[in-house]
Protein backbone atom coordinates (compact mmCIF):
# COMPACT_ATOMS: atom_id res chain seq x y z
CA MET A 1 -16.12 -2.50 26.95
CA HIS A 2 -14.29 -5.71 26.17
CA ARG A 3 -11.53 -6.67 23.75
CA ILE A 4 -12.08 -9.75 21.58
CA GLU A 5 -9.23 -11.23 19.54
CA LEU A 6 -9.74 -13.37 16.44
CA THR A 7 -6.85 -15.39 15.05
CA GLY A 8 -8.17 -18.13 12.74
CA TYR A 9 -8.26 -17.42 9.01
CA ARG A 10 -11.94 -18.22 8.44
CA GLU A 11 -13.20 -16.26 11.45
CA CYS A 12 -11.00 -13.26 10.59
CA GLU A 13 -12.17 -13.32 6.98
CA ALA A 14 -15.80 -13.40 8.08
CA ALA A 15 -15.25 -10.59 10.61
CA LEU A 16 -13.77 -8.32 7.92
CA LYS A 17 -17.05 -8.67 6.02
CA GLN A 18 -19.20 -7.91 9.06
CA PRO A 19 -21.10 -4.61 8.50
CA ASP A 20 -21.58 -4.02 12.25
CA LEU A 21 -17.83 -3.70 12.82
CA LYS A 22 -16.39 -0.23 12.16
CA GLN A 23 -12.75 0.52 11.30
CA SER A 24 -10.85 1.77 14.37
CA LEU A 25 -7.18 1.03 13.61
CA TYR A 26 -6.47 4.65 12.72
CA ASP A 27 -8.33 6.46 15.51
CA GLU A 28 -5.08 7.75 17.05
CA GLY A 29 -3.98 9.19 13.69
CA ALA A 30 -7.09 11.32 13.10
CA ILE A 31 -4.91 14.31 12.10
CA VAL A 32 -4.54 12.68 8.69
CA MET A 33 -6.94 9.75 8.84
CA ASP A 34 -10.19 11.31 10.07
CA ARG A 35 -13.01 10.55 7.59
CA VAL A 36 -10.74 9.37 4.79
CA LEU A 37 -12.00 6.44 2.74
CA VAL A 38 -10.50 3.73 4.94
CA THR A 39 -12.07 5.13 8.14
CA LEU A 40 -15.54 5.84 6.76
CA HIS A 41 -18.42 3.45 7.34
CA GLY A 42 -21.81 2.72 5.85
CA GLU A 43 -23.39 4.78 3.08
CA GLU A 44 -20.79 7.56 3.14
CA HIS A 45 -18.05 4.98 2.63
CA ARG A 46 -19.96 3.27 -0.18
CA THR A 47 -20.59 6.54 -2.05
CA ARG A 48 -16.99 7.71 -1.85
CA ARG A 49 -15.59 4.30 -2.72
CA LEU A 50 -17.77 4.08 -5.83
CA ALA A 51 -16.64 7.53 -6.96
CA GLU A 52 -12.94 6.81 -6.42
CA MET A 53 -13.09 3.44 -8.11
CA GLY A 54 -13.10 5.45 -11.34
CA VAL A 55 -9.31 5.66 -11.01
CA PHE A 56 -8.84 1.92 -10.50
CA ARG A 57 -9.53 0.80 -14.05
CA ARG A 58 -7.74 -2.00 -15.86
CA ASP A 59 -6.45 0.35 -18.56
CA PHE A 60 -5.03 2.58 -15.81
CA PHE A 61 -3.14 -0.35 -14.27
CA ARG A 62 -1.83 -1.44 -17.66
CA ARG A 63 -0.59 2.07 -18.51
CA TYR A 64 1.16 2.37 -15.15
CA GLU A 65 2.90 -0.96 -15.60
CA ARG A 66 3.91 -0.50 -19.23
CA GLU A 67 4.75 3.21 -19.29
CA VAL A 68 4.88 4.94 -15.90
CA ILE A 69 6.79 2.44 -13.73
CA PRO A 70 9.60 1.77 -16.26
CA GLU A 71 10.16 5.51 -16.70
CA ILE A 72 10.25 6.08 -12.93
CA PHE A 73 12.56 3.13 -12.34
CA ASN A 74 15.04 4.35 -14.94
CA GLU A 75 14.96 7.91 -13.58
CA VAL A 76 15.56 6.84 -9.97
CA MET A 77 18.31 4.38 -10.87
CA ALA A 78 20.05 6.96 -13.06
CA ALA A 79 20.18 9.31 -10.05
CA THR A 80 21.48 6.57 -7.71
CA ASP A 81 25.20 6.11 -7.15
CA ARG A 82 25.41 2.34 -7.49
CA SER A 83 29.17 2.24 -7.05
CA GLY A 84 28.84 2.63 -3.28
CA ASP A 85 26.49 1.48 -0.57
CA VAL A 86 22.77 1.90 -1.23
CA ASP A 87 19.97 1.67 1.32
CA LEU A 88 17.14 -0.37 -0.15
CA VAL A 89 14.45 1.26 2.01
CA ASP A 90 15.48 4.74 0.87
CA LEU A 91 15.59 3.55 -2.75
CA HIS A 92 12.07 2.13 -2.41
CA TYR A 93 10.78 5.45 -1.05
CA ARG A 94 12.16 7.14 -4.14
CA PHE A 95 10.40 4.72 -6.47
CA MET A 96 7.11 4.91 -4.63
CA VAL A 97 6.93 8.67 -4.10
CA TYR A 98 7.18 9.15 -7.85
CA LEU A 99 4.25 6.75 -8.26
CA ALA A 100 2.26 8.18 -5.35
CA VAL A 101 2.24 11.82 -6.43
CA GLY A 102 0.85 10.88 -9.83
CA PHE A 103 -1.72 8.53 -8.42
CA ALA A 104 -2.97 10.84 -5.64
CA GLY A 105 -2.97 13.91 -7.88
CA ILE A 106 -0.11 15.94 -6.42
CA ASP A 107 1.84 18.19 -8.78
CA ARG A 108 5.55 18.68 -8.30
CA ILE A 109 5.64 22.47 -8.47
CA GLU A 110 9.41 23.14 -8.42
CA ARG A 111 10.58 19.74 -9.76
CA THR A 112 13.87 20.01 -7.88
CA PRO A 113 15.75 17.29 -5.96
CA GLU A 114 15.14 19.26 -2.76
CA GLU A 115 11.39 19.33 -3.35
CA PHE A 116 11.42 15.57 -3.99
CA ASP A 117 13.27 14.98 -0.72
CA ASP A 118 10.61 17.07 1.03
CA LEU A 119 7.89 14.87 -0.43
CA ILE A 120 9.66 11.79 0.94
CA ARG A 121 9.90 13.49 4.35
CA LEU A 122 6.18 14.30 4.30
CA LEU A 123 5.30 10.77 3.24
CA ARG A 124 7.24 9.39 6.19
CA LEU A 125 5.44 11.85 8.49
CA PHE A 126 2.02 10.74 7.24
CA GLY A 127 3.13 7.17 7.85
CA VAL A 128 3.74 8.15 11.48
CA ALA A 129 0.16 9.44 11.66
CA ALA A 130 -1.33 6.23 10.25
CA THR A 131 0.60 4.10 12.75
CA LEU A 132 0.25 6.28 15.88
CA GLY A 133 -1.82 3.59 17.56
CA GLN A 134 1.19 1.26 17.34
CA ASN A 135 3.85 3.86 18.11
CA LYS A 136 6.00 3.18 21.19
CA GLY A 137 7.26 6.76 21.54
CA ASP A 138 5.85 10.19 22.44
CA ARG A 139 2.56 10.28 20.55
CA GLU A 140 1.69 13.88 21.37
CA ALA A 141 5.03 15.14 20.02
CA ALA A 142 4.42 13.05 16.91
CA ARG A 143 0.97 14.62 16.44
CA ILE A 144 2.43 18.13 16.57
CA GLU A 145 5.05 17.22 13.97
CA VAL A 146 2.47 15.56 11.71
CA GLN A 147 0.16 18.59 11.90
CA ALA A 148 3.01 20.87 10.83
CA GLY A 149 3.73 18.48 7.97
CA LEU A 150 0.08 18.45 6.87
CA ASP A 151 0.02 22.26 6.89
CA GLU A 152 3.15 22.31 4.72
CA PHE A 153 1.68 19.70 2.37
CA ASP A 154 -1.45 21.83 2.01
CA ARG A 155 0.40 25.05 1.26
CA ARG A 156 3.05 23.70 -1.10
CA PHE A 157 1.32 20.81 -2.86
CA PHE A 158 -2.39 20.29 -2.26
CA ALA A 159 -3.59 23.88 -2.79
CA PRO A 160 -1.84 24.48 -6.13
CA SER A 161 -2.64 20.96 -7.37
CA ALA A 162 -6.35 21.38 -6.55
CA GLU A 163 -6.43 24.84 -8.13
CA ARG A 164 -4.96 23.55 -11.41
CA ARG A 165 -7.43 20.67 -11.56
CA ARG A 166 -10.37 22.98 -10.88
CA ARG A 167 -9.33 25.10 -13.84
CA LEU A 168 -9.11 22.04 -16.08
CA ILE A 169 -12.50 20.75 -14.91
CA ALA A 170 -14.00 24.18 -15.65
CA GLU A 171 -12.59 23.94 -19.19
CA VAL A 172 -14.27 20.56 -19.61
CA THR A 173 -17.57 22.06 -18.40
CA ALA A 174 -17.15 24.91 -20.87
CA GLY A 175 -16.46 22.49 -23.70
CA THR A 176 -12.95 23.79 -24.42
CA LEU A 177 -11.23 20.64 -23.12
CA SER A 178 -12.04 16.97 -23.54
CA ALA A 179 -12.66 14.96 -20.37
CA ASP A 180 -10.10 12.45 -21.66
CA GLU A 181 -7.46 15.15 -21.25
CA LEU A 182 -8.02 15.47 -17.50
CA PRO A 183 -5.42 13.92 -15.18
CA MET A 184 -6.35 10.39 -14.15
CA ASP A 185 -5.84 10.62 -10.39
CA VAL A 186 -7.78 10.56 -7.13
CA LEU A 187 -7.84 14.33 -6.56
CA THR A 188 -9.36 14.94 -10.00
CA VAL A 189 -12.03 12.29 -9.41
CA VAL A 190 -12.89 13.77 -6.01
CA LEU A 191 -13.12 17.31 -7.40
CA ARG A 192 -15.36 16.18 -10.26
CA SER A 193 -17.65 14.45 -7.73
CA GLU A 194 -17.49 17.31 -5.22
CA SER A 195 -21.22 17.99 -4.99
CA GLU A 196 -22.13 14.31 -4.79
CA LEU A 197 -19.53 13.54 -2.12
CA ASP A 198 -20.20 16.70 -0.07
CA MET A 199 -16.57 16.94 1.04
CA ALA A 200 -15.31 20.05 2.81
CA ARG A 201 -11.87 21.32 1.87
CA ASP A 202 -10.16 19.84 4.95
CA MET A 203 -11.62 16.44 4.07
CA MET A 204 -10.26 16.70 0.52
CA LEU A 205 -6.87 17.61 1.92
CA ARG A 206 -6.81 14.57 4.20
CA GLU A 207 -8.15 12.28 1.45
CA THR A 208 -5.36 13.38 -0.89
CA ALA A 209 -2.74 12.99 1.85
CA PHE A 210 -4.16 9.55 2.64
CA TYR A 211 -3.89 8.37 -0.98
CA PHE A 212 -0.39 9.80 -1.21
CA LEU A 213 0.43 7.74 1.86
CA ALA A 214 -1.53 4.58 0.95
CA SER A 215 -0.16 4.30 -2.58
CA ALA A 216 3.47 4.48 -1.41
CA HIS A 217 4.11 3.80 2.26
CA THR A 218 2.86 0.21 2.54
CA SER A 219 4.39 -0.74 -0.83
CA VAL A 220 7.79 0.52 0.37
CA HIS A 221 7.76 -1.98 3.20
CA SER A 222 6.16 -4.77 1.15
CA LEU A 223 8.87 -4.37 -1.47
CA SER A 224 11.58 -4.48 1.20
CA HIS A 225 10.16 -7.71 2.66
CA ALA A 226 9.89 -9.27 -0.80
CA MET A 227 13.48 -8.37 -1.69
CA HIS A 228 14.66 -9.81 1.63
CA HIS A 229 13.01 -13.15 0.83
CA LEU A 230 14.33 -13.15 -2.73
CA LEU A 231 17.90 -12.44 -1.63
CA ASP A 232 17.61 -15.10 1.08
CA TRP A 233 16.43 -17.56 -1.56
CA PHE A 234 19.33 -16.81 -3.90
CA ASP A 235 21.80 -17.25 -1.03
CA GLU A 236 20.49 -20.82 -0.75
CA HIS A 237 19.71 -21.39 -4.46
CA PRO A 238 22.21 -19.27 -6.46
CA GLN A 239 21.43 -21.25 -9.59
CA ASP A 240 17.86 -19.86 -9.60
CA ARG A 241 18.76 -16.22 -10.08
CA ALA A 242 19.15 -16.29 -13.87
CA ARG A 243 15.82 -18.10 -14.20
CA PHE A 244 14.04 -15.46 -12.12
CA GLN A 245 15.63 -12.63 -14.08
CA ALA A 246 14.29 -14.22 -17.25
CA ASP A 247 10.75 -14.76 -15.92
CA ALA A 248 9.07 -12.05 -13.83
CA SER A 249 6.09 -14.32 -13.12
CA LEU A 250 8.35 -16.41 -10.84
CA VAL A 251 9.19 -13.24 -8.89
CA GLN A 252 5.47 -12.50 -8.57
CA ARG A 253 4.84 -15.76 -6.71
CA PHE A 254 7.57 -14.82 -4.24
CA VAL A 255 6.02 -11.39 -3.81
CA HIS A 256 2.57 -12.82 -3.11
CA GLU A 257 3.96 -15.21 -0.51
CA SER A 258 5.79 -12.29 1.11
CA PHE A 259 2.53 -10.29 1.19
CA ARG A 260 0.93 -13.23 3.02
CA LEU A 261 3.62 -13.38 5.71
CA HIS A 262 3.94 -9.61 6.17
CA PRO A 263 0.63 -7.72 6.09
CA SER A 264 1.26 -3.97 6.36
CA SER A 265 -0.38 -4.03 9.80
CA PRO A 266 -0.27 -7.19 11.90
CA VAL A 267 -3.86 -6.57 13.01
CA ALA A 268 -7.05 -4.87 11.90
CA LEU A 269 -9.04 -3.17 14.64
CA ARG A 270 -12.81 -2.80 14.60
CA ARG A 271 -15.35 -1.32 17.00
CA ALA A 272 -18.66 -3.14 17.31
CA LEU A 273 -21.66 -0.96 16.48
CA ALA A 274 -24.12 -3.65 17.60
CA PRO A 275 -23.94 -7.14 19.12
CA VAL A 276 -22.02 -9.51 16.81
CA THR A 277 -21.57 -13.29 17.01
CA PHE A 278 -18.43 -14.62 15.34
CA LEU A 279 -17.81 -17.84 13.46
CA HIS A 280 -16.68 -19.89 16.45
CA GLY A 281 -19.21 -18.54 18.92
CA GLN A 282 -17.38 -15.57 20.42
CA GLN A 283 -19.61 -12.55 20.92
CA ALA A 284 -19.02 -8.81 20.94
CA GLN A 285 -21.35 -6.20 22.38
CA ALA A 286 -21.71 -2.62 21.14
CA ASP A 287 -18.51 -0.58 21.68
CA ASP A 288 -16.36 -3.67 22.20
CA THR A 289 -12.99 -3.66 20.42
CA VAL A 290 -12.39 -6.52 17.99
CA VAL A 291 -8.78 -7.38 17.14
CA ILE A 292 -8.54 -9.23 13.83
CA SER A 293 -5.06 -10.75 13.71
CA LEU A 294 -4.14 -10.63 10.03
CA ARG A 295 -0.66 -11.97 10.69
CA GLN A 296 -1.88 -15.02 12.61
CA ALA A 297 -4.77 -15.64 10.23
CA ASN A 298 -2.37 -15.67 7.29
CA ARG A 299 -0.32 -18.31 9.11
CA ASP A 300 -3.25 -20.58 9.95
CA PRO A 301 -2.05 -24.18 9.29
CA GLU A 302 -5.61 -25.32 8.60
CA VAL A 303 -5.66 -23.07 5.53
CA PHE A 304 -2.01 -22.68 4.51
CA GLY A 305 -0.60 -26.05 5.58
CA ALA A 306 1.69 -27.35 8.30
CA ASP A 307 4.49 -25.02 7.16
CA ALA A 308 2.27 -21.91 7.24
CA GLU A 309 4.86 -20.01 9.32
CA ARG A 310 7.54 -20.56 6.68
CA PHE A 311 8.21 -18.74 3.42
CA ASN A 312 7.21 -21.14 0.64
CA PRO A 313 6.56 -19.47 -2.71
CA TYR A 314 5.41 -22.77 -4.21
CA ARG A 315 2.64 -23.19 -1.65
CA GLN A 316 -0.65 -24.58 -2.97
CA VAL A 317 -3.77 -23.10 -1.38
CA ALA A 318 -7.39 -24.14 -1.69
CA ALA A 319 -9.60 -22.59 -4.35
CA GLY A 320 -11.07 -19.31 -3.15
CA VAL A 321 -8.15 -18.53 -0.83
CA PRO A 322 -5.92 -15.73 -2.15
CA GLU A 323 -2.19 -16.48 -2.19
CA THR A 324 -1.79 -13.23 -0.27
CA GLY A 325 -4.24 -14.34 2.45
CA ILE A 326 -6.26 -11.46 3.88
CA THR A 327 -3.39 -8.98 3.74
CA PHE A 328 -5.44 -6.77 1.41
CA GLY A 329 -8.61 -7.22 3.43
CA THR A 330 -11.97 -8.33 2.13
CA GLY A 331 -15.51 -7.03 2.24
CA MET A 332 -16.31 -3.31 2.25
CA HIS A 333 -12.75 -2.30 3.15
CA ALA A 334 -10.90 -4.54 0.71
CA CYS A 335 -7.94 -2.58 -0.63
CA LEU A 336 -8.80 -0.80 -3.88
CA GLY A 337 -5.13 -0.75 -4.87
CA LYS A 338 -4.45 -4.48 -4.52
CA ASN A 339 -4.07 -5.05 -8.25
CA LEU A 340 -1.87 -1.98 -8.59
CA ALA A 341 0.52 -3.23 -5.89
CA ALA A 342 0.31 -7.01 -6.31
CA GLY A 343 -1.01 -7.57 -9.81
CA THR A 344 -2.93 -10.74 -10.49
CA LEU A 345 -1.72 -14.31 -10.71
CA PRO A 346 -2.94 -16.36 -13.68
CA VAL A 347 -5.90 -18.65 -12.99
CA ARG A 348 -4.53 -22.08 -12.11
CA GLY A 349 -4.40 -24.39 -15.06
CA ARG A 350 -5.06 -21.62 -17.57
CA GLU A 351 -2.47 -20.07 -19.88
CA GLN A 352 -2.22 -16.29 -19.88
CA ALA A 353 -1.00 -14.22 -22.81
CA PRO A 354 2.10 -12.13 -21.88
CA ASP A 355 0.36 -8.90 -22.87
CA ARG A 356 -2.47 -9.64 -20.43
CA GLN A 357 -0.18 -10.35 -17.50
CA GLN A 358 -0.33 -7.84 -14.66
CA LEU A 359 2.65 -8.03 -12.32
CA GLY A 360 1.89 -5.11 -10.02
CA THR A 361 4.31 -2.41 -8.93
CA VAL A 362 6.05 -4.48 -6.25
CA THR A 363 6.83 -7.39 -8.58
CA TRP A 364 7.81 -5.12 -11.47
CA ILE A 365 10.34 -3.21 -9.36
CA ALA A 366 11.64 -6.32 -7.56
CA HIS A 367 12.27 -8.03 -10.90
CA ALA A 368 13.96 -4.92 -12.33
CA LEU A 369 16.24 -4.70 -9.27
CA LEU A 370 17.27 -8.34 -9.76
CA CYS A 371 18.09 -7.59 -13.40
CA ALA A 372 20.12 -4.57 -12.23
CA GLY A 373 22.35 -6.90 -10.19
CA ILE A 374 21.20 -6.16 -6.65
CA THR A 375 22.86 -8.13 -3.83
CA ARG A 376 22.77 -7.91 -0.04
CA ASP A 377 25.64 -5.98 1.59
CA PRO A 378 27.52 -8.78 3.41
CA ALA A 379 29.14 -6.37 5.87
CA ARG A 380 26.00 -4.52 6.99
CA PRO A 381 22.84 -6.49 7.80
CA GLY A 382 19.42 -4.88 7.51
CA GLN A 383 17.81 -3.44 10.63
CA LEU A 384 14.14 -3.72 11.59
CA ASP A 385 12.42 -0.65 13.03
CA GLN A 386 12.23 -1.11 16.81
CA THR A 387 10.12 2.02 17.46
CA ILE A 388 6.89 0.48 16.20
CA GLU A 389 4.96 -2.74 16.65
CA ARG A 390 4.67 -3.24 12.90
CA GLU A 391 7.29 -5.39 11.17
CA THR A 392 9.12 -2.92 8.91
CA TRP A 393 12.71 -2.52 7.76
CA GLN A 394 14.36 0.68 9.00
CA SER A 395 17.39 0.16 6.76
CA TYR A 396 18.56 -2.52 4.35
CA PRO A 397 22.03 -1.95 2.85
CA VAL A 398 22.52 -3.42 -0.64
CA GLN A 399 25.07 -3.35 -3.43
CA PHE A 400 24.86 -3.61 -7.20
CA ALA A 401 27.08 -5.75 -9.38
CA ASP A 402 29.14 -3.91 -11.99
């Protein structure tokens, strides 16, 4: 077996669409990631993806942005002591766990602060599972800890949440409840499509844990990167802050540029199922590993200009090239939650009515934090996580103006 690395934007984009390349980034984290949507391939992947796309509707995104996110933001900020030092990464986990439980379909049974802290702990554990292949520490010890966490998640959260949804679905079948009254979340969709998807209970458990992870963990780090760039910008351009607080669409362009520079994983890994010839003539044979460098592709000067390595929120890209690059993937494994996290930028040259604008969770929260008076803690710089090959902030101390 050989290892082929692709770094150019066009060849990486084409490789992500190649049906003879199977996802292999999460092989080490099979405890949580085995046969979840992102690791499936072929017809099984297509069937499950089509079923779960029922959650990703435009009206769902609009409701989240107009009702759910503001309520969560206010609740988290009300519980945060802003008079002292605040860690931005921890704050982001609190925002995103609230969002993730609702999106994945996890009920908060006790609704206590201690239970919420446990959910954050479990989310971090599942993040360890997803990144085991890039972990520099003791992977076997990490697997044991993750398995214990998954067992706890099953007992305390998944089992009662699934049981409640089964009862509600039975009421719909009996005609005593309208389908519109069912929760709009991934677990409900999966349970309603149970016979079609042919998912055993352990697969449902992992799928729910995966969506809990996917809808929060990567956004935590994306939000931290975006806030870092915004605070850097205001250090150099203090006069811009009021303008950004008044116009969230300006913040969104910064967020999209940050997504481009900081994909959640620096690479995508694929295993060749058959011989494949790539755009510039490289070839892979069956069972070869293909490394698709998302980070390098998103910094390709032929696509993003001579300053592709730099943060430039006013960058102009060619038609057909997303401002976020291939951070959210493309082809069969394009991220279903892209619009939820990143929103959509207006079509160039076309006005967009304010009520049609979709900012995405990362922009909405980043803008709200700016309006709340967030500043970097001058005495304590942020620290990147040195235990993993991914570029993530371990801590980021901030303060809030009175």
